[in-house]
Amino acid sequence: MATMNISLPDALKSFVDAQVTERGYSTSSEYVRELIRTDQDRRQLHSLLLQGASSAPGEPAGATYFDALRQRVAQHNKPRPKA
């Protein structure tokens, strides 16, 4: 794993330290990694939303679609036999 050093004003350092304590992180690095992962997820979602908004409209979702979706979910949630 690579190392990165950052400088923070005292107020931000205090905030990070408080978040580490209150949220149960082991280190400030763990907290910052979680913030970065969350930002990556948010950016990916934003990109997907923009792609969807610029795509052609699809077929309306009707009862048949939702019935098939329920079947897929039920199949996915079925307990699997142990080997």
PDB file of N, CA and C in Angstrom:
ATOM      1  N   MET A   1       0.843  -1.169   0.000  1.00  0.00           N
ATOM      2  CA  MET A   1       0.000   0.000   0.000  1.00  0.00           C
ATOM      3  C   MET A   1       0.890   1.234   0.000  1.00  0.00           C
ATOM      4  N   ALA A   2       0.517   2.204  -0.822  1.00  0.00           N
ATOM      5  CA  ALA A   2       1.280   3.446  -0.900  1.00  0.00           C
ATOM      6  C   ALA A   2       0.931   4.349   0.277  1.00  0.00           C
ATOM      7  N   THR A   3       1.842   5.251   0.580  1.00  0.00           N
ATOM      8  CA  THR A   3       1.647   6.195   1.684  1.00  0.00           C
ATOM      9  C   THR A   3       1.474   7.588   1.125  1.00  0.00           C
ATOM     10  N   MET A   4       0.556   8.361   1.737  1.00  0.00           N
ATOM     11  CA  MET A   4       0.327   9.744   1.347  1.00  0.00           C
ATOM     12  C   MET A   4       0.193  10.568   2.620  1.00  0.00           C
ATOM     13  N   ASN A   5       0.892  11.669   2.678  1.00  0.00           N
ATOM     14  CA  ASN A   5       0.797  12.568   3.825  1.00  0.00           C
ATOM     15  C   ASN A   5      -0.020  13.781   3.431  1.00  0.00           C
ATOM     16  N   ILE A   6      -0.918  14.204   4.303  1.00  0.00           N
ATOM     17  CA  ILE A   6      -1.712  15.400   4.040  1.00  0.00           C
ATOM     18  C   ILE A   6      -1.617  16.341   5.230  1.00  0.00           C
ATOM     19  N   SER A   7      -1.780  17.624   4.937  1.00  0.00           N
ATOM     20  CA  SER A   7      -1.775  18.643   5.987  1.00  0.00           C
ATOM     21  C   SER A   7      -3.199  19.132   6.182  1.00  0.00           C
ATOM     22  N   LEU A   8      -3.612  19.239   7.434  1.00  0.00           N
ATOM     23  CA  LEU A   8      -4.952  19.701   7.761  1.00  0.00           C
ATOM     24  C   LEU A   8      -4.870  20.832   8.777  1.00  0.00           C
ATOM     25  N   PRO A   9      -5.775  21.794   8.655  1.00  0.00           N
ATOM     26  CA  PRO A   9      -5.872  22.789   9.726  1.00  0.00           C
ATOM     27  C   PRO A   9      -6.304  22.087  11.013  1.00  0.00           C
ATOM     28  N   ASP A  10      -6.006  22.702  12.153  1.00  0.00           N
ATOM     29  CA  ASP A  10      -6.317  22.086  13.444  1.00  0.00           C
ATOM     30  C   ASP A  10      -7.790  21.691  13.562  1.00  0.00           C
ATOM     31  N   ALA A  11      -8.683  22.527  13.058  1.00  0.00           N
ATOM     32  CA  ALA A  11     -10.118  22.238  13.173  1.00  0.00           C
ATOM     33  C   ALA A  11     -10.484  20.960  12.407  1.00  0.00           C
ATOM     34  N   LEU A  12      -9.922  20.773  11.215  1.00  0.00           N
ATOM     35  CA  LEU A  12     -10.210  19.555  10.450  1.00  0.00           C
ATOM     36  C   LEU A  12      -9.580  18.332  11.096  1.00  0.00           C
ATOM     37  N   LYS A  13      -8.387  18.485  11.630  1.00  0.00           N
ATOM     38  CA  LYS A  13      -7.732  17.370  12.326  1.00  0.00           C
ATOM     39  C   LYS A  13      -8.566  16.936  13.516  1.00  0.00           C
ATOM     40  N   SER A  14      -9.080  17.895  14.264  1.00  0.00           N
ATOM     41  CA  SER A  14      -9.933  17.582  15.409  1.00  0.00           C
ATOM     42  C   SER A  14     -11.202  16.866  14.950  1.00  0.00           C
ATOM     43  N   PHE A  15     -11.780  17.320  13.842  1.00  0.00           N
ATOM     44  CA  PHE A  15     -12.980  16.682  13.312  1.00  0.00           C
ATOM     45  C   PHE A  15     -12.688  15.238  12.926  1.00  0.00           C
ATOM     46  N   VAL A  16     -11.585  15.006  12.209  1.00  0.00           N
ATOM     47  CA  VAL A  16     -11.215  13.642  11.800  1.00  0.00           C
ATOM     48  C   VAL A  16     -11.000  12.773  13.031  1.00  0.00           C
ATOM     49  N   ASP A  17     -10.286  13.273  14.004  1.00  0.00           N
ATOM     50  CA  ASP A  17     -10.043  12.498  15.231  1.00  0.00           C
ATOM     51  C   ASP A  17     -11.358  12.132  15.918  1.00  0.00           C
ATOM     52  N   ALA A  18     -12.292  13.082  15.952  1.00  0.00           N
ATOM     53  CA  ALA A  18     -13.592  12.812  16.575  1.00  0.00           C
ATOM     54  C   ALA A  18     -14.358  11.751  15.791  1.00  0.00           C
ATOM     55  N   GLN A  19     -14.302  11.819  14.472  1.00  0.00           N
ATOM     56  CA  GLN A  19     -15.007  10.832  13.648  1.00  0.00           C
ATOM     57  C   GLN A  19     -14.416   9.429  13.845  1.00  0.00           C
ATOM     58  N   VAL A  20     -13.120   9.360  13.942  1.00  0.00           N
ATOM     59  CA  VAL A  20     -12.452   8.074  14.172  1.00  0.00           C
ATOM     60  C   VAL A  20     -12.944   7.472  15.481  1.00  0.00           C
ATOM     61  N   THR A  21     -13.003   8.280  16.515  1.00  0.00           N
ATOM     62  CA  THR A  21     -13.440   7.799  17.826  1.00  0.00           C
ATOM     63  C   THR A  21     -14.927   7.436  17.825  1.00  0.00           C
ATOM     64  N   GLU A  22     -15.766   8.350  17.332  1.00  0.00           N
ATOM     65  CA  GLU A  22     -17.221   8.161  17.383  1.00  0.00           C
ATOM     66  C   GLU A  22     -17.711   7.035  16.485  1.00  0.00           C
ATOM     67  N   ARG A  23     -17.075   6.857  15.347  1.00  0.00           N
ATOM     68  CA  ARG A  23     -17.547   5.876  14.377  1.00  0.00           C
ATOM     69  C   ARG A  23     -16.819   4.539  14.461  1.00  0.00           C
ATOM     70  N   GLY A  24     -15.859   4.445  15.332  1.00  0.00           N
ATOM     71  CA  GLY A  24     -15.194   3.167  15.549  1.00  0.00           C
ATOM     72  C   GLY A  24     -14.130   2.791  14.538  1.00  0.00           C
ATOM     73  N   TYR A  25     -13.564   3.765  13.859  1.00  0.00           N
ATOM     74  CA  TYR A  25     -12.453   3.476  12.949  1.00  0.00           C
ATOM     75  C   TYR A  25     -11.196   3.210  13.775  1.00  0.00           C
ATOM     76  N   SER A  26     -10.307   2.415  13.239  1.00  0.00           N
ATOM     77  CA  SER A  26      -9.061   2.113  13.948  1.00  0.00           C
ATOM     78  C   SER A  26      -8.058   3.261  13.849  1.00  0.00           C
ATOM     79  N   THR A  27      -8.035   3.897  12.680  1.00  0.00           N
ATOM     80  CA  THR A  27      -7.074   4.975  12.443  1.00  0.00           C
ATOM     81  C   THR A  27      -7.717   6.056  11.593  1.00  0.00           C
ATOM     82  N   SER A  28      -7.076   7.207  11.554  1.00  0.00           N
ATOM     83  CA  SER A  28      -7.562   8.272  10.671  1.00  0.00           C
ATOM     84  C   SER A  28      -7.417   7.865   9.208  1.00  0.00           C
ATOM     85  N   SER A  29      -6.419   7.063   8.891  1.00  0.00           N
ATOM     86  CA  SER A  29      -6.249   6.574   7.519  1.00  0.00           C
ATOM     87  C   SER A  29      -7.448   5.739   7.084  1.00  0.00           C
ATOM     88  N   GLU A  30      -7.953   4.916   7.987  1.00  0.00           N
ATOM     89  CA  GLU A  30      -9.128   4.101   7.679  1.00  0.00           C
ATOM     90  C   GLU A  30     -10.332   4.994   7.378  1.00  0.00           C
ATOM     91  N   TYR A  31     -10.507   6.037   8.152  1.00  0.00           N
ATOM     92  CA  TYR A  31     -11.606   6.981   7.946  1.00  0.00           C
ATOM     93  C   TYR A  31     -11.464   7.677   6.593  1.00  0.00           C
ATOM     94  N   VAL A  32     -10.270   8.151   6.271  1.00  0.00           N
ATOM     95  CA  VAL A  32     -10.040   8.852   5.006  1.00  0.00           C
ATOM     96  C   VAL A  32     -10.246   7.899   3.825  1.00  0.00           C
ATOM     97  N   ARG A  33      -9.790   6.652   3.945  1.00  0.00           N
ATOM     98  CA  ARG A  33     -10.027   5.671   2.875  1.00  0.00           C
ATOM     99  C   ARG A  33     -11.520   5.481   2.638  1.00  0.00           C
ATOM    100  N   GLU A  34     -12.299   5.421   3.710  1.00  0.00           N
ATOM    101  CA  GLU A  34     -13.750   5.271   3.577  1.00  0.00           C
ATOM    102  C   GLU A  34     -14.367   6.489   2.887  1.00  0.00           C
ATOM    103  N   LEU A  35     -13.898   7.683   3.222  1.00  0.00           N
ATOM    104  CA  LEU A  35     -14.381   8.894   2.552  1.00  0.00           C
ATOM    105  C   LEU A  35     -14.080   8.841   1.057  1.00  0.00           C
ATOM    106  N   ILE A  36     -12.885   8.390   0.704  1.00  0.00           N
ATOM    107  CA  ILE A  36     -12.496   8.318  -0.705  1.00  0.00           C
ATOM    108  C   ILE A  36     -13.345   7.279  -1.433  1.00  0.00           C
ATOM    109  N   ARG A  37     -13.554   6.118  -0.822  1.00  0.00           N
ATOM    110  CA  ARG A  37     -14.398   5.087  -1.445  1.00  0.00           C
ATOM    111  C   ARG A  37     -15.820   5.605  -1.661  1.00  0.00           C
ATOM    112  N   THR A  38     -16.345   6.315  -0.676  1.00  0.00           N
ATOM    113  CA  THR A  38     -17.694   6.874  -0.788  1.00  0.00           C
ATOM    114  C   THR A  38     -17.754   7.879  -1.927  1.00  0.00           C
ATOM    115  N   ASP A  39     -16.729   8.702  -2.060  1.00  0.00           N
ATOM    116  CA  ASP A  39     -16.691   9.675  -3.149  1.00  0.00           C
ATOM    117  C   ASP A  39     -16.598   8.971  -4.494  1.00  0.00           C
ATOM    118  N   GLN A  40     -15.807   7.900  -4.579  1.00  0.00           N
ATOM    119  CA  GLN A  40     -15.724   7.132  -5.820  1.00  0.00           C
ATOM    120  C   GLN A  40     -17.092   6.565  -6.193  1.00  0.00           C
ATOM    121  N   ASP A  41     -17.793   6.001  -5.212  1.00  0.00           N
ATOM    122  CA  ASP A  41     -19.129   5.451  -5.451  1.00  0.00           C
ATOM    123  C   ASP A  41     -20.091   6.543  -5.928  1.00  0.00           C
ATOM    124  N   ARG A  42     -20.022   7.705  -5.284  1.00  0.00           N
ATOM    125  CA  ARG A  42     -20.900   8.818  -5.656  1.00  0.00           C
ATOM    126  C   ARG A  42     -20.627   9.275  -7.084  1.00  0.00           C
ATOM    127  N   ARG A  43     -19.352   9.356  -7.446  1.00  0.00           N
ATOM    128  CA  ARG A  43     -18.987   9.781  -8.799  1.00  0.00           C
ATOM    129  C   ARG A  43     -19.435   8.755  -9.835  1.00  0.00           C
ATOM    130  N   GLN A  44     -19.306   7.470  -9.502  1.00  0.00           N
ATOM    131  CA  GLN A  44     -19.747   6.424 -10.429  1.00  0.00           C
ATOM    132  C   GLN A  44     -21.264   6.495 -10.617  1.00  0.00           C
ATOM    133  N   LEU A  45     -22.004   6.669  -9.524  1.00  0.00           N
ATOM    134  CA  LEU A  45     -23.456   6.793  -9.613  1.00  0.00           C
ATOM    135  C   LEU A  45     -23.834   8.004 -10.454  1.00  0.00           C
ATOM    136  N   HIS A  46     -23.163   9.114 -10.247  1.00  0.00           N
ATOM    137  CA  HIS A  46     -23.423  10.327 -11.024  1.00  0.00           C
ATOM    138  C   HIS A  46     -23.219  10.049 -12.512  1.00  0.00           C
ATOM    139  N   SER A  47     -22.143   9.375 -12.851  1.00  0.00           N
ATOM    140  CA  SER A  47     -21.852   9.032 -14.242  1.00  0.00           C
ATOM    141  C   SER A  47     -22.939   8.131 -14.831  1.00  0.00           C
ATOM    142  N   LEU A  48     -23.348   7.126 -14.054  1.00  0.00           N
ATOM    143  CA  LEU A  48     -24.397   6.222 -14.530  1.00  0.00           C
ATOM    144  C   LEU A  48     -25.720   6.956 -14.722  1.00  0.00           C
ATOM    145  N   LEU A  49     -26.039   7.873 -13.826  1.00  0.00           N
ATOM    146  CA  LEU A  49     -27.266   8.653 -13.972  1.00  0.00           C
ATOM    147  C   LEU A  49     -27.225   9.523 -15.218  1.00  0.00           C
ATOM    148  N   LEU A  50     -26.074  10.128 -15.491  1.00  0.00           N
ATOM    149  CA  LEU A  50     -25.945  10.938 -16.700  1.00  0.00           C
ATOM    150  C   LEU A  50     -26.070  10.072 -17.957  1.00  0.00           C
ATOM    151  N   GLN A  51     -25.468   8.874 -17.932  1.00  0.00           N
ATOM    152  CA  GLN A  51     -25.600   7.966 -19.076  1.00  0.00           C
ATOM    153  C   GLN A  51     -27.057   7.585 -19.295  1.00  0.00           C
ATOM    154  N   GLY A  52     -27.749   7.278 -18.216  1.00  0.00           N
ATOM    155  CA  GLY A  52     -29.156   6.912 -18.317  1.00  0.00           C
ATOM    156  C   GLY A  52     -29.999   8.066 -18.822  1.00  0.00           C
ATOM    157  N   ALA A  53     -29.714   9.263 -18.345  1.00  0.00           N
ATOM    158  CA  ALA A  53     -30.490  10.429 -18.762  1.00  0.00           C
ATOM    159  C   ALA A  53     -30.284  10.749 -20.234  1.00  0.00           C
ATOM    160  N   SER A  54     -29.114  10.419 -20.770  1.00  0.00           N
ATOM    161  CA  SER A  54     -28.843  10.731 -22.180  1.00  0.00           C
ATOM    162  C   SER A  54     -29.173   9.565 -23.112  1.00  0.00           C
ATOM    163  N   SER A  55     -29.621   8.444 -22.573  1.00  0.00           N
ATOM    164  CA  SER A  55     -29.954   7.300 -23.426  1.00  0.00           C
ATOM    165  C   SER A  55     -31.399   7.406 -23.908  1.00  0.00           C
ATOM    166  N   ALA A  56     -31.695   6.626 -24.913  1.00  0.00           N
ATOM    167  CA  ALA A  56     -33.052   6.602 -25.460  1.00  0.00           C
ATOM    168  C   ALA A  56     -34.007   5.981 -24.443  1.00  0.00           C
ATOM    169  N   PRO A  57     -35.253   6.427 -24.445  1.00  0.00           N
ATOM    170  CA  PRO A  57     -36.223   5.843 -23.516  1.00  0.00           C
ATOM    171  C   PRO A  57     -36.415   4.349 -23.803  1.00  0.00           C
ATOM    172  N   GLY A  58     -36.595   3.587 -22.748  1.00  0.00           N
ATOM    173  CA  GLY A  58     -36.834   2.156 -22.896  1.00  0.00           C
ATOM    174  C   GLY A  58     -38.326   1.867 -22.883  1.00  0.00           C
ATOM    175  N   GLU A  59     -38.617   0.604 -22.907  1.00  0.00           N
ATOM    176  CA  GLU A  59     -40.009   0.182 -22.835  1.00  0.00           C
ATOM    177  C   GLU A  59     -40.553   0.442 -21.434  1.00  0.00           C
ATOM    178  N   PRO A  60     -41.820   0.799 -21.333  1.00  0.00           N
ATOM    179  CA  PRO A  60     -42.404   0.972 -20.000  1.00  0.00           C
ATOM    180  C   PRO A  60     -42.393  -0.349 -19.236  1.00  0.00           C
ATOM    181  N   ALA A  61     -42.143  -0.275 -17.940  1.00  0.00           N
ATOM    182  CA  ALA A  61     -42.143  -1.471 -17.096  1.00  0.00           C
ATOM    183  C   ALA A  61     -43.580  -1.765 -16.683  1.00  0.00           C
ATOM    184  N   GLY A  62     -44.045  -2.948 -17.063  1.00  0.00           N
ATOM    185  CA  GLY A  62     -45.409  -3.341 -16.735  1.00  0.00           C
ATOM    186  C   GLY A  62     -45.414  -4.519 -15.786  1.00  0.00           C
ATOM    187  N   ALA A  63     -46.568  -5.121 -15.628  1.00  0.00           N
ATOM    188  CA  ALA A  63     -46.744  -6.242 -14.706  1.00  0.00           C
ATOM    189  C   ALA A  63     -45.835  -7.407 -15.072  1.00  0.00           C
ATOM    190  N   THR A  64     -45.671  -7.682 -16.355  1.00  0.00           N
ATOM    191  CA  THR A  64     -44.820  -8.797 -16.790  1.00  0.00           C
ATOM    192  C   THR A  64     -43.379  -8.589 -16.333  1.00  0.00           C
ATOM    193  N   TYR A  65     -42.885  -7.373 -16.483  1.00  0.00           N
ATOM    194  CA  TYR A  65     -41.524  -7.060 -16.062  1.00  0.00           C
ATOM    195  C   TYR A  65     -41.357  -7.295 -14.561  1.00  0.00           C
ATOM    196  N   PHE A  66     -42.296  -6.775 -13.772  1.00  0.00           N
ATOM    197  CA  PHE A  66     -42.177  -6.897 -12.325  1.00  0.00           C
ATOM    198  C   PHE A  66     -42.366  -8.335 -11.853  1.00  0.00           C
ATOM    199  N   ASP A  67     -43.214  -9.101 -12.526  1.00  0.00           N
ATOM    200  CA  ASP A  67     -43.358 -10.520 -12.191  1.00  0.00           C
ATOM    201  C   ASP A  67     -42.042 -11.258 -12.428  1.00  0.00           C
ATOM    202  N   ALA A  68     -41.398 -10.994 -13.561  1.00  0.00           N
ATOM    203  CA  ALA A  68     -40.116 -11.635 -13.866  1.00  0.00           C
ATOM    204  C   ALA A  68     -39.047 -11.203 -12.864  1.00  0.00           C
ATOM    205  N   LEU A  69     -39.072  -9.951 -12.478  1.00  0.00           N
ATOM    206  CA  LEU A  69     -38.105  -9.444 -11.509  1.00  0.00           C
ATOM    207  C   LEU A  69     -38.303 -10.124 -10.157  1.00  0.00           C
ATOM    208  N   ARG A  70     -39.545 -10.270  -9.723  1.00  0.00           N
ATOM    209  CA  ARG A  70     -39.828 -10.966  -8.458  1.00  0.00           C
ATOM    210  C   ARG A  70     -39.335 -12.405  -8.506  1.00  0.00           C
ATOM    211  N   GLN A  71     -39.514 -13.061  -9.638  1.00  0.00           N
ATOM    212  CA  GLN A  71     -39.047 -14.446  -9.779  1.00  0.00           C
ATOM    213  C   GLN A  71     -37.523 -14.523  -9.686  1.00  0.00           C
ATOM    214  N   ARG A  72     -36.843 -13.573 -10.315  1.00  0.00           N
ATOM    215  CA  ARG A  72     -35.374 -13.552 -10.238  1.00  0.00           C
ATOM    216  C   ARG A  72     -34.904 -13.339  -8.810  1.00  0.00           C
ATOM    217  N   VAL A  73     -35.547 -12.442  -8.093  1.00  0.00           N
ATOM    218  CA  VAL A  73     -35.167 -12.173  -6.706  1.00  0.00           C
ATOM    219  C   VAL A  73     -35.434 -13.406  -5.846  1.00  0.00           C
ATOM    220  N   ALA A  74     -36.596 -14.031  -6.035  1.00  0.00           N
ATOM    221  CA  ALA A  74     -36.933 -15.232  -5.262  1.00  0.00           C
ATOM    222  C   ALA A  74     -35.941 -16.347  -5.551  1.00  0.00           C
ATOM    223  N   GLN A  75     -35.562 -16.514  -6.808  1.00  0.00           N
ATOM    224  CA  GLN A  75     -34.593 -17.557  -7.176  1.00  0.00           C
ATOM    225  C   GLN A  75     -33.238 -17.266  -6.541  1.00  0.00           C
ATOM    226  N   HIS A  76     -32.847 -15.998  -6.546  1.00  0.00           N
ATOM    227  CA  HIS A  76     -31.557 -15.609  -5.978  1.00  0.00           C
ATOM    228  C   HIS A  76     -31.520 -15.823  -4.461  1.00  0.00           C
ATOM    229  N   ASN A  77     -32.661 -15.631  -3.807  1.00  0.00           N
ATOM    230  CA  ASN A  77     -32.719 -15.730  -2.351  1.00  0.00           C
ATOM    231  C   ASN A  77     -32.979 -17.131  -1.836  1.00  0.00           C
ATOM    232  N   LYS A  78     -33.172 -18.093  -2.727  1.00  0.00           N
ATOM    233  CA  LYS A  78     -33.395 -19.469  -2.291  1.00  0.00           C
ATOM    234  C   LYS A  78     -32.137 -20.021  -1.616  1.00  0.00           C
ATOM    235  N   PRO A  79     -32.314 -20.754  -0.519  1.00  0.00           N
ATOM    236  CA  PRO A  79     -31.144 -21.389   0.107  1.00  0.00           C
ATOM    237  C   PRO A  79     -30.536 -22.398  -0.872  1.00  0.00           C
ATOM    238  N   ARG A  80     -29.242 -22.420  -0.910  1.00  0.00           N
ATOM    239  CA  ARG A  80     -28.535 -23.353  -1.804  1.00  0.00           C
ATOM    240  C   ARG A  80     -28.169 -24.614  -1.030  1.00  0.00           C
ATOM    241  N   PRO A  81     -28.278 -25.760  -1.688  1.00  0.00           N
ATOM    242  CA  PRO A  81     -27.903 -27.012  -0.995  1.00  0.00           C
ATOM    243  C   PRO A  81     -26.414 -27.011  -0.663  1.00  0.00           C
ATOM    244  N   LYS A  82     -26.114 -27.545   0.514  1.00  0.00           N
ATOM    245  CA  LYS A  82     -24.711 -27.619   0.932  1.00  0.00           C
ATOM    246  C   LYS A  82     -24.056 -28.803   0.254  1.00  0.00           C
ATOM    247  N   ALA A  83     -22.849 -28.605  -0.159  1.00  0.00           N
ATOM    248  CA  ALA A  83     -22.118 -29.675  -0.860  1.00  0.00           C
ATOM    249  C   ALA A  83     -21.517 -30.660   0.123  1.00  0.00           C
TER     250      ALA A  83
END
